[in-house]
Amino acid sequence: MAVVCMTFGQFAHAKWDEERDVTTNGKEEFVYYYKTNEQGQKLVLDKYIKRLIFIQKDRFRKRVISQIKIDGLEIDVMSDPFSHYPEQTAITFDNKDEVLKKLFLAKKIEVYLHYGREPGMSTFQIK
């Protein structure tokens, strides 16, 4: 198991940008991986809760995300906006371990979202 986690960490470190967060008591440090696209949107890979977090600086528009594509493979997802951080939306999925592995190895992630009835898509290139 430790070898698998180490391998994921190496892949993610090489492709995803890294952000560190220290808990309020200063005893634990968490590492999150993220990518920002040309539109300034941010996709955060939360390996602790096994989800994605989509961030767009538009506090006034609610979004629903029902599907993502990882290197062309469609995956149905559920979305849940954060009540205290309206610019953030949590993206969760079934088969968390399998999807998490695909996300770590992905080259391109497409997020399909809806603002009310308006569809949209955000693309993130992972190099």
Protein backbone atom coordinates (compact mmCIF):
# COMPACT_ATOMS: atom_id res chain seq x y z
CA MET A 1 0.00 0.00 0.00
CA ALA A 2 2.81 2.42 0.81
CA VAL A 3 4.34 1.83 -2.61
CA VAL A 4 1.07 2.68 -4.34
CA CYS A 5 0.69 5.93 -2.36
CA MET A 6 4.27 6.87 -3.09
CA THR A 7 3.74 6.22 -6.79
CA PHE A 8 0.58 8.38 -6.82
CA GLY A 9 2.48 11.13 -5.06
CA GLN A 10 5.26 11.07 -7.65
CA PHE A 11 2.81 11.22 -10.55
CA ALA A 12 0.81 14.01 -8.97
CA HIS A 13 3.91 15.97 -8.05
CA ALA A 14 5.17 15.81 -11.63
CA LYS A 15 1.88 16.88 -13.23
CA TRP A 16 -0.19 18.81 -10.68
CA ASP A 17 0.83 21.97 -8.84
CA GLU A 18 1.15 21.51 -5.10
CA GLU A 19 -0.30 23.52 -2.23
CA ARG A 20 0.36 22.89 1.47
CA ASP A 21 -2.03 23.68 4.29
CA VAL A 22 -1.26 23.49 8.00
CA THR A 23 -4.05 22.75 10.46
CA THR A 24 -5.05 25.43 12.93
CA ASN A 25 -3.19 23.68 15.74
CA GLY A 26 -0.07 23.56 13.54
CA LYS A 27 0.46 19.83 14.09
CA GLU A 28 -0.57 18.45 10.72
CA GLU A 29 0.28 19.48 7.19
CA PHE A 30 -1.95 18.56 4.27
CA VAL A 31 -0.83 18.54 0.64
CA TYR A 32 -3.38 19.36 -2.06
CA TYR A 33 -2.80 19.17 -5.80
CA TYR A 34 -4.35 21.68 -8.17
CA LYS A 35 -4.43 23.06 -11.69
CA THR A 36 -5.56 26.45 -12.89
CA ASN A 37 -6.84 26.93 -16.44
CA GLU A 38 -6.66 29.95 -18.75
CA GLN A 39 -10.03 31.26 -17.47
CA GLY A 40 -8.65 31.46 -13.91
CA GLN A 41 -10.72 28.54 -12.70
CA LYS A 42 -9.05 26.13 -10.30
CA LEU A 43 -9.47 22.37 -9.90
CA VAL A 44 -8.22 20.97 -6.58
CA LEU A 45 -7.59 17.26 -6.08
CA ASP A 46 -8.45 16.45 -2.47
CA LYS A 47 -6.89 13.03 -1.89
CA TYR A 48 -7.95 13.00 1.79
CA ILE A 49 -11.71 13.06 1.17
CA LYS A 50 -11.29 11.65 -2.37
CA ARG A 51 -13.03 14.39 -4.31
CA LEU A 52 -12.38 17.31 -6.62
CA ILE A 53 -13.10 20.92 -5.76
CA PHE A 54 -13.98 23.29 -8.60
CA ILE A 55 -13.28 26.95 -7.83
CA GLN A 56 -14.51 29.89 -9.89
CA LYS A 57 -14.56 33.45 -8.59
CA ASP A 58 -18.26 34.09 -9.24
CA ARG A 59 -19.93 34.25 -5.85
CA PHE A 60 -23.37 35.03 -7.27
CA ARG A 61 -23.94 32.11 -9.63
CA LYS A 62 -24.78 28.64 -8.45
CA ARG A 63 -23.41 25.83 -10.55
CA VAL A 64 -24.27 22.16 -10.92
CA ILE A 65 -21.67 19.70 -12.15
CA SER A 66 -23.03 16.33 -13.25
CA GLN A 67 -20.24 14.98 -15.44
CA ILE A 68 -16.50 15.16 -15.98
CA LYS A 69 -14.29 13.63 -18.65
CA ILE A 70 -10.87 12.28 -17.78
CA ASP A 71 -8.85 11.86 -20.98
CA GLY A 72 -12.11 11.39 -22.91
CA LEU A 73 -13.68 8.91 -20.46
CA GLU A 74 -17.05 10.18 -19.20
CA ILE A 75 -17.69 9.90 -15.47
CA ASP A 76 -20.99 10.80 -13.82
CA VAL A 77 -20.46 12.86 -10.70
CA MET A 78 -22.43 14.70 -8.04
CA SER A 79 -21.78 18.27 -6.99
CA ASP A 80 -22.32 20.07 -3.73
CA PRO A 81 -21.64 23.81 -3.33
CA PHE A 82 -19.92 24.93 -0.14
CA SER A 83 -22.33 27.14 1.81
CA HIS A 84 -19.61 29.37 3.31
CA TYR A 85 -17.52 29.52 0.11
CA PRO A 86 -19.94 30.04 -2.81
CA GLU A 87 -17.11 30.11 -5.37
CA GLN A 88 -16.28 26.47 -4.48
CA THR A 89 -18.14 23.33 -5.53
CA ALA A 90 -17.24 19.83 -4.32
CA ILE A 91 -17.31 17.13 -7.00
CA THR A 92 -17.84 13.59 -5.70
CA PHE A 93 -18.06 10.29 -7.53
CA ASP A 94 -18.68 6.58 -7.08
CA ASN A 95 -15.66 4.24 -7.20
CA LYS A 96 -13.54 6.86 -5.47
CA ASP A 97 -10.26 4.94 -5.53
CA GLU A 98 -10.56 4.09 -9.23
CA VAL A 99 -11.47 7.66 -10.24
CA LEU A 100 -8.77 9.12 -7.99
CA LYS A 101 -6.14 6.99 -9.73
CA LYS A 102 -7.39 8.19 -13.14
CA LEU A 103 -7.29 11.80 -11.97
CA PHE A 104 -3.68 11.44 -10.77
CA LEU A 105 -2.68 10.07 -14.19
CA ALA A 106 -4.88 12.38 -16.31
CA LYS A 107 -3.58 14.60 -19.08
CA LYS A 108 -6.87 16.42 -19.68
CA ILE A 109 -9.90 16.92 -17.44
CA GLU A 110 -13.12 18.46 -18.73
CA VAL A 111 -15.73 19.66 -16.24
CA TYR A 112 -19.30 19.96 -17.56
CA LEU A 113 -21.34 22.44 -15.57
CA HIS A 114 -24.65 24.26 -15.65
CA TYR A 115 -25.39 27.76 -14.42
CA GLY A 116 -29.15 27.57 -14.11
CA ARG A 117 -30.06 26.40 -17.61
CA GLU A 118 -26.86 27.59 -19.28
CA PRO A 119 -24.40 24.78 -20.01
CA GLY A 120 -20.67 25.32 -19.85
CA MET A 121 -17.43 23.43 -19.92
CA SER A 122 -14.06 24.01 -18.30
CA THR A 123 -10.91 22.28 -19.49
CA PHE A 124 -7.79 21.62 -17.45
CA GLN A 125 -4.59 20.41 -19.10
CA ILE A 126 -2.33 18.39 -16.80
CA LYS A 127 1.22 18.23 -18.14
